[in-house]
Amino acid sequence: MPDTIIVTSFLTSLQGFAPCFTAPSFQTFLTLAAGWALNLGRHTVTATIRAANAVGWKHFSSFHRFFAAASWLTDEVGIVVVRLVEQLIDKDQPVVVAIDDTLGRHTGKNIAAASMHRDPLLSTGKLLYFHWGHIWVVAGITIRAFDKSWCLPVLFRLYRGKKRCAAEKRPYRKTPELAAELIRILAEVLPHRRIIVVGDAAYTNSSVIKRRPRNVTIIGRCRLDAAIYEQPPVRAGQMGRPRVRGAKLPSPEARLASGKVHWQAIRVQVYGKTPTVKAFAIDALWYIAAGSELVRLVVVRDFPGHERDDVFVCTDPTMSPQMIIETFANRWALEVTFHEVKGKLGFEDPQNRTERAVERTAPFALWMYSLVVLWYLTAGHRLRAARRPSLPWYRAKVAPAFSDMLATLRRASWSQRLFDPRGNHSTSRKLLQPLIDHLSDAA
């Protein structure tokens, strides 16, 4: 192991990943994790090596091979992260999982597995923008800490478009099908827990709902013009195939247009606020997505951030409208995670030219978000380095942001190195040189 700068408690928190790697690869994993967290510049492999103070420890190509050729599986590493996150959730509470996809933008024709994809941040209803890169389907577990929701990424799948799959002669799978695979893995890892999966309209369809395991409940966005039905009538000795759905019911949109709606005022806790919304519930069959299974649709008005009426669907009709609305709001935490990982952990920085490296490097950046948050919640918040500087423009700030957690990890690491009581004047230059290089690289 090189003279790693990272604080000891962070390396201790990573010991549970040892079974996922060979002994040499595990040491490389620890070094890369330390460098990834400390890196202030672009998160390329070589920059990460420098940030970890590991130049010369082993040949730099071995760090590239860790992503491109080493013998380890992303799902096995993700399962370890799942178990670490699950320990923070009370046993009598469900595990809430957010599912969504994000675009990792890249430049260069030699980037492996890249294609042109619609850019959701730049596109509008009238004008579409496309960008070269990768689409990642991400499953993250949401937790409550410091009176806010955090979504910690755990499992991932790389989406490949139809043209690329045809060129590579591999079966094409849509993003909901990839999400359904991630949900099945989570259900197998946590068979003793109730799992609630929240997703946007793209992940609220038959591919996800009909294929879900028994311990999984789906909450997502539905359509106002959804075709819904009554349950099939009870058979009374008739011959032939039984009915799978009853009479057609007015859609949520039609009910709103009729004006004959009994709104219920509900006070909900969403997005750090407690607004009062109007809602009403419909228990029916959404046959196209859920088949003959009874689901609950909740039509919501005055939902924060939504100018128009919205409708959510839940596969558990016993859940109250308030719980459905509040649980769905956890989905936004994953969007915040994407923003932080791209801005502070270099999700889009590596320029991998082999498919295996692509399939591992982006998940590594997302795992780093989860590992930093887990370290802060279990050990970092108790350190002196967790005391945030007093700033005049943050007088009312109480809860830490991810940037505060990452800064705490870096402060604790450099404090441990520079203020080591075993150090002396003769070793001070050796201790300070990595910091000088670190700051010069950031500039």
Protein backbone atom coordinates (compact mmCIF):
# COMPACT_ATOMS: atom_id res chain seq x y z
CA MET A 1 0.00 0.00 0.00
CA PRO A 2 1.42 3.44 -0.91
CA ASP A 3 1.79 6.35 1.50
CA THR A 4 -1.90 7.15 1.08
CA ILE A 5 -3.11 10.53 2.29
CA ILE A 6 -6.73 9.58 3.00
CA VAL A 7 -7.88 9.46 6.62
CA THR A 8 -7.63 6.01 8.22
CA SER A 9 -11.33 5.77 9.11
CA PHE A 10 -12.25 6.01 5.42
CA LEU A 11 -9.98 3.10 4.49
CA THR A 12 -11.42 1.13 7.41
CA SER A 13 -14.94 1.65 6.06
CA LEU A 14 -13.89 0.01 2.77
CA GLN A 15 -12.65 -3.27 4.23
CA GLY A 16 -15.97 -4.98 3.52
CA PHE A 17 -15.19 -4.84 -0.21
CA ALA A 18 -12.17 -7.15 0.09
CA PRO A 19 -14.09 -10.32 -0.98
CA CYS A 20 -14.97 -8.63 -4.30
CA PHE A 21 -11.34 -8.44 -5.44
CA THR A 22 -8.09 -10.32 -5.50
CA ALA A 23 -5.57 -9.10 -2.92
CA PRO A 24 -3.60 -6.92 -5.40
CA SER A 25 -6.79 -5.52 -6.94
CA PHE A 26 -8.16 -4.67 -3.51
CA GLN A 27 -5.10 -2.55 -2.75
CA THR A 28 -5.60 -0.83 -6.09
CA PHE A 29 -9.27 -0.28 -5.24
CA LEU A 30 -8.35 1.38 -1.94
CA THR A 31 -5.81 3.62 -3.65
CA LEU A 32 -8.21 4.67 -6.40
CA ALA A 33 -10.99 5.34 -3.89
CA ALA A 34 -8.68 7.55 -1.86
CA GLY A 35 -7.46 9.42 -4.92
CA TRP A 36 -10.96 9.83 -6.33
CA ALA A 37 -12.17 11.51 -3.14
CA LEU A 38 -9.11 13.77 -2.83
CA ASN A 39 -8.84 14.72 -6.49
CA LEU A 40 -9.58 18.42 -7.05
CA GLY A 41 -9.24 18.35 -10.83
CA ARG A 42 -10.43 16.13 -13.67
CA HIS A 43 -11.02 12.59 -12.51
CA THR A 44 -8.86 10.74 -14.99
CA VAL A 45 -7.03 7.64 -13.81
CA THR A 46 -3.61 9.32 -13.90
CA ALA A 47 -4.89 12.38 -12.00
CA THR A 48 -6.43 10.05 -9.42
CA ILE A 49 -3.09 8.29 -8.94
CA ARG A 50 -1.40 11.62 -8.25
CA ALA A 51 -4.12 12.67 -5.81
CA ALA A 52 -3.65 9.41 -3.91
CA ASN A 53 0.14 10.01 -3.70
CA ALA A 54 0.60 6.63 -5.43
CA VAL A 55 2.94 7.61 -8.29
CA GLY A 56 5.73 5.04 -8.39
CA TRP A 57 3.99 2.60 -6.06
CA LYS A 58 3.22 0.36 -9.05
CA HIS A 59 3.21 0.90 -12.79
CA PHE A 60 0.46 3.33 -13.82
CA SER A 61 -0.89 0.84 -16.37
CA SER A 62 -2.00 -1.44 -13.53
CA PHE A 63 -4.50 1.22 -12.46
CA HIS A 64 -5.89 1.35 -15.99
CA ARG A 65 -6.09 -2.45 -16.03
CA PHE A 66 -8.11 -2.36 -12.81
CA PHE A 67 -10.99 -0.94 -14.85
CA ALA A 68 -10.24 -2.51 -18.22
CA ALA A 69 -9.20 -6.08 -17.41
CA ALA A 70 -9.15 -6.94 -13.68
CA SER A 71 -11.29 -9.83 -12.43
CA TRP A 72 -14.17 -8.25 -10.49
CA LEU A 73 -17.89 -7.70 -11.03
CA THR A 74 -19.79 -4.44 -10.63
CA ASP A 75 -22.87 -6.19 -9.27
CA GLU A 76 -20.86 -7.81 -6.46
CA VAL A 77 -19.42 -4.45 -5.44
CA GLY A 78 -22.88 -2.89 -5.68
CA ILE A 79 -24.36 -5.57 -3.42
CA VAL A 80 -21.79 -4.70 -0.73
CA VAL A 81 -22.89 -1.07 -0.99
CA VAL A 82 -26.54 -2.21 -0.70
CA ARG A 83 -25.79 -4.02 2.56
CA LEU A 84 -23.92 -1.02 3.97
CA VAL A 85 -26.79 1.33 3.17
CA GLU A 86 -29.43 -1.07 4.47
CA GLN A 87 -27.84 -0.97 7.93
CA LEU A 88 -28.84 2.70 8.20
CA ILE A 89 -32.56 1.94 7.65
CA ASP A 90 -34.75 0.78 10.55
CA LYS A 91 -35.85 -2.82 10.18
CA ASP A 92 -39.54 -1.87 10.42
CA GLN A 93 -39.22 0.69 7.60
CA PRO A 94 -39.34 -0.11 3.88
CA VAL A 95 -36.28 0.32 1.68
CA VAL A 96 -37.11 3.10 -0.76
CA VAL A 97 -35.28 2.76 -4.09
CA ALA A 98 -35.19 5.49 -6.73
CA ILE A 99 -34.77 4.46 -10.38
CA ASP A 100 -33.77 6.86 -13.14
CA ASP A 101 -31.30 7.31 -15.97
CA THR A 102 -28.70 9.97 -16.65
CA LEU A 103 -26.60 11.00 -19.63
CA GLY A 104 -22.82 10.96 -19.28
CA ARG A 105 -21.54 13.36 -21.94
CA HIS A 106 -18.26 12.58 -23.68
CA THR A 107 -16.27 13.79 -26.66
CA GLY A 108 -14.23 11.69 -29.04
CA LYS A 109 -15.18 8.98 -31.50
CA ASN A 110 -13.03 6.35 -29.78
CA ILE A 111 -15.04 6.33 -26.55
CA ALA A 112 -16.26 2.76 -26.20
CA ALA A 113 -20.02 2.02 -26.28
CA ALA A 114 -20.90 5.70 -26.88
CA SER A 115 -23.77 6.85 -29.08
CA MET A 116 -25.85 9.93 -29.78
CA HIS A 117 -28.54 10.34 -27.13
CA ARG A 118 -31.16 12.97 -26.42
CA ASP A 119 -29.88 15.47 -23.88
CA PRO A 120 -32.70 15.89 -21.33
CA LEU A 121 -31.21 19.03 -19.78
CA LEU A 122 -30.98 20.97 -23.04
CA SER A 123 -34.02 19.60 -24.85
CA THR A 124 -37.42 21.28 -24.69
CA GLY A 125 -40.88 20.25 -25.82
CA LYS A 126 -40.32 21.89 -29.22
CA LEU A 127 -36.58 21.46 -29.77
CA LEU A 128 -34.47 18.37 -29.17
CA TYR A 129 -30.74 18.39 -28.46
CA PHE A 130 -28.49 15.36 -28.74
CA HIS A 131 -25.10 14.63 -27.26
CA TRP A 132 -22.46 11.94 -27.67
CA GLY A 133 -22.05 9.77 -24.60
CA HIS A 134 -23.58 7.05 -22.44
CA ILE A 135 -26.98 6.55 -20.85
CA TRP A 136 -26.81 4.96 -17.39
CA VAL A 137 -29.80 3.38 -15.63
CA VAL A 138 -29.18 3.85 -11.91
CA ALA A 139 -30.79 2.34 -8.81
CA GLY A 140 -30.17 4.23 -5.59
CA ILE A 141 -31.39 3.65 -2.04
CA THR A 142 -32.83 6.72 -0.32
CA ILE A 143 -32.20 7.45 3.35
CA ARG A 144 -33.10 10.25 5.73
CA ALA A 145 -30.25 12.14 7.38
CA PHE A 146 -30.00 15.68 8.72
CA ASP A 147 -33.70 16.16 7.99
CA LYS A 148 -33.32 15.62 4.23
CA SER A 149 -33.37 12.78 1.73
CA TRP A 150 -30.18 11.33 0.27
CA CYS A 151 -30.08 8.85 -2.58
CA LEU A 152 -27.05 6.56 -2.56
CA PRO A 153 -26.38 4.83 -5.91
CA VAL A 154 -25.83 1.08 -5.66
CA LEU A 155 -26.51 -0.74 -8.96
CA PHE A 156 -26.20 0.28 -12.62
CA ARG A 157 -26.76 -0.76 -16.20
CA LEU A 158 -25.37 0.78 -19.39
CA TYR A 159 -28.05 1.39 -22.02
CA ARG A 160 -27.14 0.73 -25.64
CA GLY A 161 -29.26 2.02 -28.50
CA LYS A 162 -30.83 -0.12 -31.20
CA LYS A 163 -28.22 0.72 -33.83
CA ARG A 164 -25.31 -0.12 -31.52
CA CYS A 165 -26.92 -3.39 -30.43
CA ALA A 166 -27.51 -4.33 -34.07
CA ALA A 167 -23.88 -3.50 -34.97
CA GLU A 168 -22.58 -5.52 -32.00
CA LYS A 169 -25.10 -8.36 -32.56
CA ARG A 170 -26.43 -8.20 -29.03
CA PRO A 171 -30.11 -8.19 -27.94
CA TYR A 172 -31.62 -4.74 -27.51
CA ARG A 173 -33.10 -3.91 -24.12
CA LYS A 174 -35.05 -0.80 -23.23
CA THR A 175 -34.25 1.25 -20.13
CA PRO A 176 -37.32 -0.09 -18.21
CA GLU A 177 -36.12 -3.64 -18.87
CA LEU A 178 -32.70 -2.76 -17.45
CA ALA A 179 -34.40 -1.18 -14.44
CA ALA A 180 -36.47 -4.34 -13.89
CA GLU A 181 -33.24 -6.34 -13.79
CA LEU A 182 -31.79 -4.05 -11.11
CA ILE A 183 -34.99 -4.34 -9.08
CA ARG A 184 -34.82 -8.14 -9.20
CA ILE A 185 -31.24 -8.07 -7.91
CA LEU A 186 -32.22 -5.81 -5.02
CA ALA A 187 -35.16 -8.06 -4.14
CA GLU A 188 -32.89 -11.10 -4.09
CA VAL A 189 -30.33 -9.35 -1.89
CA LEU A 190 -33.01 -8.03 0.50
CA PRO A 191 -35.69 -10.77 0.55
CA HIS A 192 -36.54 -9.93 4.17
CA ARG A 193 -37.28 -6.27 3.47
CA ARG A 194 -40.20 -4.51 1.84
CA ILE A 195 -38.88 -2.50 -1.12
CA ILE A 196 -40.66 0.52 -2.56
CA VAL A 197 -39.39 1.58 -5.98
CA VAL A 198 -40.09 5.15 -7.10
CA GLY A 199 -39.60 6.27 -10.68
CA ASP A 200 -40.76 8.73 -13.28
CA ALA A 201 -43.23 7.94 -16.06
CA ALA A 202 -40.52 6.20 -18.11
CA TYR A 203 -40.20 3.56 -15.36
CA THR A 204 -43.89 3.15 -14.55
CA ASN A 205 -44.99 0.64 -17.15
CA SER A 206 -45.59 -3.05 -17.70
CA SER A 207 -41.88 -3.88 -18.02
CA VAL A 208 -41.33 -2.78 -14.43
CA ILE A 209 -44.70 -3.38 -12.77
CA LYS A 210 -45.54 -6.84 -14.12
CA ARG A 211 -42.01 -8.20 -13.67
CA ARG A 212 -41.46 -7.00 -10.11
CA PRO A 213 -40.82 -9.50 -7.28
CA ARG A 214 -43.37 -10.05 -4.53
CA ASN A 215 -41.65 -7.88 -1.93
CA VAL A 216 -41.55 -4.85 -4.26
CA THR A 217 -44.09 -2.01 -4.47
CA ILE A 218 -43.96 0.44 -7.39
CA ILE A 219 -44.83 4.13 -7.04
CA GLY A 220 -44.54 6.29 -10.13
CA ARG A 221 -46.10 8.89 -12.35
CA CYS A 222 -49.20 7.83 -14.31
CA ARG A 223 -51.07 9.48 -17.21
CA LEU A 224 -54.05 11.76 -16.74
CA ASP A 225 -55.68 10.06 -19.75
CA ALA A 226 -54.91 6.55 -18.50
CA ALA A 227 -57.46 3.89 -19.45
CA ILE A 228 -58.67 2.41 -16.17
CA TYR A 229 -61.24 -0.27 -15.41
CA GLU A 230 -63.27 -1.81 -12.62
CA GLN A 231 -62.29 -5.19 -11.28
CA PRO A 232 -63.83 -8.11 -13.21
CA PRO A 233 -67.23 -9.25 -11.89
CA VAL A 234 -67.46 -12.43 -9.87
CA ARG A 235 -68.27 -15.43 -12.07
CA ALA A 236 -71.51 -17.23 -11.34
CA GLY A 237 -71.10 -20.55 -13.10
CA GLN A 238 -70.55 -19.13 -16.60
CA MET A 239 -68.66 -21.11 -19.19
CA GLY A 240 -65.63 -19.88 -21.08
CA ARG A 241 -62.64 -17.73 -20.37
CA PRO A 242 -63.06 -15.50 -17.29
CA ARG A 243 -62.96 -11.74 -17.71
CA VAL A 244 -59.69 -10.02 -16.82
CA ARG A 245 -61.16 -6.54 -16.33
CA GLY A 246 -64.50 -4.97 -15.64
CA ALA A 247 -66.27 -1.96 -17.10
CA LYS A 248 -64.23 1.00 -18.23
CA LEU A 249 -64.06 3.91 -15.79
CA PRO A 250 -63.66 7.63 -16.55
CA SER A 251 -59.98 8.56 -16.75
CA PRO A 252 -58.55 11.01 -14.19
CA GLU A 253 -58.60 13.66 -16.92
CA ALA A 254 -62.29 13.03 -17.63
CA ARG A 255 -63.13 13.23 -13.93
CA LEU A 256 -61.35 16.56 -13.64
CA ALA A 257 -63.21 17.87 -16.69
CA SER A 258 -66.57 16.84 -15.23
CA GLY A 259 -65.97 18.95 -12.13
CA LYS A 260 -67.48 16.24 -9.93
CA VAL A 261 -64.38 15.66 -7.85
CA HIS A 262 -64.20 15.57 -4.07
CA TRP A 263 -60.78 17.04 -3.30
CA GLN A 264 -59.08 16.25 -0.03
CA ALA A 265 -56.65 18.77 1.48
CA ILE A 266 -53.48 16.97 2.53
CA ARG A 267 -50.44 18.43 4.26
CA VAL A 268 -47.33 16.67 2.94
CA GLN A 269 -43.60 16.83 3.64
CA VAL A 270 -41.83 17.08 0.28
CA TYR A 271 -38.61 18.73 -0.85
CA GLY A 272 -37.90 20.10 2.62
CA LYS A 273 -41.27 21.88 2.80
CA THR A 274 -44.72 21.10 4.19
CA PRO A 275 -47.21 22.44 1.63
CA THR A 276 -50.91 21.64 1.51
CA VAL A 277 -52.02 19.92 -1.69
CA LYS A 278 -55.38 18.79 -3.00
CA ALA A 279 -55.79 15.14 -3.90
CA PHE A 280 -58.27 12.36 -4.52
CA ALA A 281 -57.71 8.64 -4.97
CA ILE A 282 -59.03 6.12 -7.51
CA ASP A 283 -58.71 2.38 -6.95
CA ALA A 284 -58.93 0.67 -10.32
CA LEU A 285 -57.19 -1.56 -12.84
CA TRP A 286 -54.60 0.18 -15.03
CA TYR A 287 -54.72 -2.78 -17.34
CA ILE A 288 -52.11 -1.76 -19.92
CA ALA A 289 -49.42 -1.43 -17.23
CA ALA A 290 -50.49 -3.63 -14.31
CA GLY A 291 -52.86 -6.15 -15.87
CA SER A 292 -55.64 -7.37 -13.55
CA GLU A 293 -53.91 -6.07 -10.42
CA LEU A 294 -55.75 -3.42 -8.42
CA VAL A 295 -53.71 -0.21 -8.11
CA ARG A 296 -54.29 3.17 -6.51
CA LEU A 297 -54.13 6.36 -8.57
CA VAL A 298 -53.73 9.64 -6.70
CA VAL A 299 -54.55 12.83 -8.59
CA VAL A 300 -52.72 15.82 -7.10
CA ARG A 301 -53.21 19.56 -7.53
CA ASP A 302 -50.86 22.33 -6.31
CA PHE A 303 -47.91 19.93 -6.03
CA PRO A 304 -44.68 21.96 -5.57
CA GLY A 305 -42.88 22.49 -8.86
CA HIS A 306 -45.83 21.27 -10.96
CA GLU A 307 -47.99 23.86 -12.68
CA ARG A 308 -50.52 21.30 -13.89
CA ASP A 309 -52.43 18.54 -12.16
CA ASP A 310 -50.45 15.35 -11.77
CA VAL A 311 -51.33 11.74 -11.08
CA PHE A 312 -49.30 9.10 -9.27
CA VAL A 313 -49.88 5.36 -9.22
CA CYS A 314 -49.06 2.81 -6.51
CA THR A 315 -49.30 -0.96 -6.75
CA ASP A 316 -50.27 -1.12 -3.06
CA PRO A 317 -53.86 0.21 -2.81
CA THR A 318 -53.66 0.19 1.00
CA MET A 319 -51.17 3.07 1.08
CA SER A 320 -52.65 6.46 1.91
CA PRO A 321 -52.50 9.29 -0.64
CA GLN A 322 -50.25 11.24 1.73
CA MET A 323 -47.74 8.38 1.96
CA ILE A 324 -47.79 7.86 -1.81
CA ILE A 325 -47.09 11.55 -2.49
CA GLU A 326 -44.34 11.82 0.13
CA THR A 327 -42.67 8.60 -0.98
CA PHE A 328 -42.69 9.64 -4.64
CA ALA A 329 -40.95 12.90 -3.70
CA ASN A 330 -37.88 10.85 -2.71
CA ARG A 331 -37.19 10.40 -6.42
CA TRP A 332 -35.79 13.93 -6.63
CA ALA A 333 -32.89 12.99 -4.35
CA LEU A 334 -31.45 10.90 -7.20
CA GLU A 335 -31.46 13.94 -9.48
CA VAL A 336 -29.46 15.80 -6.81
CA THR A 337 -27.03 12.88 -6.68
CA PHE A 338 -26.48 13.05 -10.44
CA HIS A 339 -25.74 16.77 -10.16
CA GLU A 340 -23.21 16.25 -7.38
CA VAL A 341 -21.46 13.29 -9.00
CA LYS A 342 -21.04 15.13 -12.28
CA GLY A 343 -19.91 18.37 -10.66
CA LYS A 344 -17.67 17.12 -7.85
CA LEU A 345 -16.69 13.51 -8.59
CA GLY A 346 -15.91 13.61 -12.31
CA PHE A 347 -18.61 11.26 -13.55
CA GLU A 348 -18.06 12.42 -17.14
CA ASP A 349 -14.26 12.86 -17.03
CA PRO A 350 -12.76 9.43 -17.88
CA GLN A 351 -12.25 8.83 -21.61
CA ASN A 352 -12.34 5.03 -21.69
CA ARG A 353 -11.67 3.19 -24.95
CA THR A 354 -12.63 -0.31 -23.85
CA GLU A 355 -16.16 -1.42 -23.00
CA ARG A 356 -15.25 -3.05 -19.71
CA ALA A 357 -13.56 0.13 -18.53
CA VAL A 358 -16.67 2.12 -19.47
CA GLU A 359 -18.90 -0.31 -17.57
CA ARG A 360 -16.79 0.11 -14.43
CA THR A 361 -15.48 3.68 -14.30
CA ALA A 362 -18.82 5.52 -14.28
CA PRO A 363 -20.24 3.23 -11.55
CA PHE A 364 -17.03 3.81 -9.57
CA ALA A 365 -17.74 7.57 -9.52
CA LEU A 366 -21.33 6.93 -8.39
CA TRP A 367 -20.18 4.53 -5.67
CA MET A 368 -17.80 7.20 -4.42
CA TYR A 369 -20.77 9.45 -3.69
CA SER A 370 -22.35 6.66 -1.62
CA LEU A 371 -19.09 5.86 0.18
CA VAL A 372 -18.39 9.47 1.11
CA VAL A 373 -21.92 9.91 2.52
CA LEU A 374 -21.72 6.58 4.39
CA TRP A 375 -18.34 7.52 5.88
CA TYR A 376 -19.64 10.90 7.01
CA LEU A 377 -22.76 9.42 8.63
CA THR A 378 -20.85 6.69 10.48
CA ALA A 379 -17.55 8.39 11.37
CA GLY A 380 -16.89 11.72 9.71
CA HIS A 381 -19.57 13.81 11.43
CA ARG A 382 -17.86 13.22 14.80
CA LEU A 383 -14.47 14.59 13.70
CA ARG A 384 -13.23 18.10 14.32
CA ALA A 385 -12.86 18.45 10.56
CA ALA A 386 -16.68 18.30 10.28
CA ARG A 387 -16.96 21.78 11.79
CA ARG A 388 -17.83 23.94 8.84
CA PRO A 389 -16.21 27.36 8.50
CA SER A 390 -18.39 30.24 9.67
CA LEU A 391 -19.42 32.13 6.55
CA PRO A 392 -21.54 35.30 6.56
CA TRP A 393 -23.70 34.09 3.66
CA TYR A 394 -24.53 30.76 5.39
CA ARG A 395 -25.68 31.96 8.80
CA ALA A 396 -28.85 29.88 8.76
CA LYS A 397 -27.31 26.72 7.30
CA VAL A 398 -27.79 23.75 9.62
CA ALA A 399 -27.67 20.51 7.62
CA PRO A 400 -24.49 19.61 5.70
CA ALA A 401 -24.52 19.30 1.92
CA PHE A 402 -22.54 16.71 0.00
CA SER A 403 -19.85 19.31 -0.66
CA ASP A 404 -19.49 19.71 3.13
CA MET A 405 -19.12 15.94 3.56
CA LEU A 406 -16.48 15.75 0.84
CA ALA A 407 -14.64 18.75 2.30
CA THR A 408 -14.71 17.09 5.72
CA LEU A 409 -13.09 13.97 4.30
CA ARG A 410 -10.36 16.04 2.67
CA ARG A 411 -9.74 18.20 5.77
CA ALA A 412 -9.57 15.14 8.00
CA SER A 413 -7.16 13.43 5.61
CA TRP A 414 -4.75 16.36 5.34
CA SER A 415 -4.99 17.09 9.07
CA GLN A 416 -4.07 13.50 9.89
CA ARG A 417 -1.05 13.72 7.60
CA LEU A 418 0.24 17.19 8.44
CA PHE A 419 -0.39 17.15 12.18
CA ASP A 420 0.84 13.62 12.83
CA PRO A 421 2.52 13.75 16.29
CA ARG A 422 5.15 11.32 15.03
CA GLY A 423 6.31 13.85 12.41
CA ASN A 424 9.34 16.06 12.88
CA HIS A 425 11.22 18.80 11.06
CA SER A 426 13.17 16.34 8.91
CA THR A 427 9.98 14.74 7.56
CA SER A 428 7.94 17.94 7.12
CA ARG A 429 9.07 18.40 3.51
CA LYS A 430 7.98 14.86 2.66
CA LEU A 431 4.60 15.47 4.32
CA LEU A 432 4.01 18.81 2.61
CA GLN A 433 5.14 17.90 -0.90
CA PRO A 434 1.97 15.93 -1.81
CA LEU A 435 -0.17 18.88 -0.66
CA ILE A 436 1.84 21.29 -2.81
CA ASP A 437 1.47 18.99 -5.83
CA HIS A 438 -2.21 18.51 -5.02
CA LEU A 439 -2.99 22.22 -4.97
CA SER A 440 -0.92 22.94 -8.05
CA ASP A 441 -2.80 20.24 -9.99
CA ALA A 442 -6.12 21.81 -8.96
CA ALA A 443 -5.07 25.15 -10.39
